[in-house]
Structures are given as C-alpha cells and as structure tokens.
Protein backbone atom coordinates (compact mmCIF):
# COMPACT_ATOMS: atom_id res chain seq x y z
CA MET A 1 -67.67 44.49 32.09
CA LEU A 2 -64.54 42.98 30.27
CA HIS A 3 -62.90 45.84 27.97
CA ILE A 4 -59.41 44.71 26.08
CA ARG A 5 -57.53 48.25 26.30
CA ASN A 6 -54.39 49.51 24.35
CA ILE A 7 -51.60 50.49 25.95
CA GLU A 8 -52.72 54.47 25.22
CA GLU A 9 -55.89 53.96 26.49
CA LEU A 10 -54.81 51.51 29.76
CA LYS A 11 -52.41 54.70 30.85
CA SER A 12 -54.72 57.44 30.39
CA GLN A 13 -57.48 55.54 32.31
CA TRP A 14 -55.14 54.56 34.78
CA ASP A 15 -53.83 57.91 35.16
CA VAL A 16 -57.57 59.36 35.69
CA VAL A 17 -58.54 56.31 38.47
CA ILE A 18 -55.32 57.43 40.40
CA GLN A 19 -55.92 61.37 40.09
CA LYS A 20 -59.29 60.65 41.54
CA VAL A 21 -57.97 58.08 44.31
CA ASN A 22 -55.46 60.43 45.35
CA LYS A 23 -57.91 63.26 45.16
CA HIS A 24 -60.10 61.56 47.16
CA PHE A 25 -58.01 60.05 50.13
CA ASP A 26 -55.40 63.15 50.10
CA ALA A 27 -52.76 60.42 49.31
CA ASP A 28 -49.96 58.98 46.90
CA VAL A 29 -51.66 55.89 45.96
CA ASP A 30 -49.93 53.34 43.77
CA LEU A 31 -51.21 49.99 42.74
CA GLN A 32 -50.81 48.24 45.67
CA GLY A 33 -52.52 50.87 47.91
CA LEU A 34 -55.62 50.86 45.29
CA LEU A 35 -55.49 46.82 46.04
CA PHE A 36 -55.90 47.69 49.69
CA ILE A 37 -58.94 50.35 48.99
CA ILE A 38 -60.73 47.87 46.98
CA GLY A 39 -60.10 44.87 49.51
CA ILE A 40 -61.61 47.51 52.24
CA GLN A 41 -64.36 48.56 50.08
CA GLU A 42 -65.29 44.67 49.42
CA LEU A 43 -64.74 43.48 52.76
CA GLY A 44 -67.43 46.19 53.76
CA GLN A 45 -66.69 46.60 57.14
CA GLY A 46 -65.25 50.13 56.90
CA VAL A 47 -62.22 51.98 57.41
CA ARG A 48 -59.77 50.28 60.82
CA ASN A 49 -56.82 49.65 61.61
CA PHE A 50 -55.65 46.62 60.16
CA LYS A 51 -53.13 44.05 61.08
CA LYS A 52 -50.46 43.60 58.52
CA ASP A 53 -51.40 39.75 57.96
CA GLU A 54 -55.10 41.33 57.49
CA LYS A 55 -53.55 44.06 54.97
CA GLN A 56 -52.37 41.35 53.05
CA ASP A 57 -55.62 39.31 52.98
CA LEU A 58 -56.96 42.77 51.65
CA MET A 59 -54.85 43.05 48.27
CA HIS A 60 -55.50 39.13 48.31
CA ILE A 61 -59.60 39.89 48.40
CA ALA A 62 -58.99 42.68 45.65
CA THR A 63 -56.99 40.93 43.61
CA CYS A 64 -59.43 37.84 43.63
CA ARG A 65 -62.32 40.55 43.22
CA LEU A 66 -60.75 41.93 40.41
CA LEU A 67 -60.13 38.66 38.53
CA SER A 68 -63.11 37.14 39.40
CA ALA A 69 -64.50 39.73 36.51
CA TYR A 70 -62.48 38.00 34.07
CA GLY A 71 -63.61 34.41 35.01
CA TYR A 72 -60.40 33.38 36.93
CA TYR A 73 -61.63 33.41 40.32
CA GLU A 74 -65.53 32.85 41.96
CA LEU A 75 -66.63 34.38 45.27
CA VAL A 76 -67.63 30.93 47.62
CA GLY A 77 -68.71 32.89 50.86
CA GLU A 78 -67.84 34.22 53.94
CA ASP A 79 -66.18 32.70 57.08
CA GLU A 80 -67.71 33.94 60.29
CA GLU A 81 -65.84 37.24 60.42
CA GLY A 82 -67.16 38.08 57.45
CA TRP A 83 -64.19 37.80 55.33
CA PRO A 84 -65.23 36.73 52.00
CA HIS A 85 -63.34 33.75 50.08
CA TRP A 86 -62.46 32.91 46.67
CA LYS A 87 -61.74 29.83 44.81
CA LEU A 88 -59.56 29.72 41.98
CA VAL A 89 -61.49 28.47 38.96
CA LYS A 90 -59.50 28.90 35.83
CA GLN A 91 -55.82 29.24 35.70
CA LEU A 92 -54.16 32.61 34.90
CA PRO A 93 -51.78 32.41 32.04
CA LYS A 94 -48.27 32.95 32.49
CA MET A 95 -47.27 36.29 32.74
CA ASN A 96 -44.61 38.78 33.49
CA LEU A 97 -44.80 41.15 36.29
CA GLY A 98 -45.21 43.87 33.32
CA GLU A 99 -48.37 42.24 31.83
CA GLN A 100 -49.32 40.79 35.37
CA ASP A 101 -49.64 44.41 36.38
CA TYR A 102 -51.45 45.54 32.73
CA LEU A 103 -54.25 42.80 34.04
CA ILE A 104 -54.96 44.24 37.30
CA LYS A 105 -55.16 47.85 36.25
CA GLN A 106 -57.08 46.80 33.46
CA CYS A 107 -59.57 45.18 36.02
CA ALA A 108 -58.78 48.01 38.40
CA ILE A 109 -60.66 50.37 35.94
CA ASP A 110 -63.35 47.95 34.81
CA TYR A 111 -64.06 47.85 38.85
CA PHE A 112 -63.97 52.05 38.88
CA GLU A 113 -66.28 51.92 36.04
CA GLU A 114 -68.69 49.35 36.97
CA HIS A 115 -68.92 51.48 40.47
CA ASP A 116 -69.30 54.43 38.79
CA ILE A 117 -66.38 56.19 39.89
CA PHE A 118 -65.87 57.70 36.46
C-alpha cells in the first residue's frame, strides 16, 4: 500500500526495518544489502552463492518489485531459470540521489509492512 511519509516518520521506520534485518541476519545491512535480501526473497530460490552479475540482477529485481507498488514497473513473467522480468510502465520523475534513496526506502518500508515483518 502506498504510504507517503514525512522525513521524520521515514527515518524512524527505516531504523526499525534495518534493526530487524540486522538482528535477523546478525549483520550490518545498508540500503544496498537490503535490496539484495529483497531480491533473494523475490527470486524465491533460497540462499546460495551468487555470481557478481547475479547479485546486481537481484538488486534490480528488488528495485523493480519495490517500485511496482507505485506503478512504475510491471512483472512480465519469469525466464526458463525462474528469474522474474519486469518492464517499465511509467517513467520515473527526475530525482537527485537523496530523493531516489527516499523513494526506495519508502517502498522498502511498505514491502516489509506488506509482508508482516513489523
């Protein structure tokens, strides 16, 4: 569900997400690490050793999945190896890096709420 947060609410909820993920994985996860974890979840093939290009693909899968909730991407299906493929259906607005991080973090919080992780 789309929920636009003010900056204080986003920071607070983001900290909760990161704390829960760090505790679960006994790690220090940042935004990129969180995208990697979401990508693995969305791939649905479990945890294994991924090649460098597969890690990048997993982060792309996560980004597309997260932005699909805002209508930017649409799942078109899976390839023969079970990897999901997305298409851009609505152009993203021009944003600086801070605005991009804000949007992705907002989407990630929504993702964790959707999956009852809170």
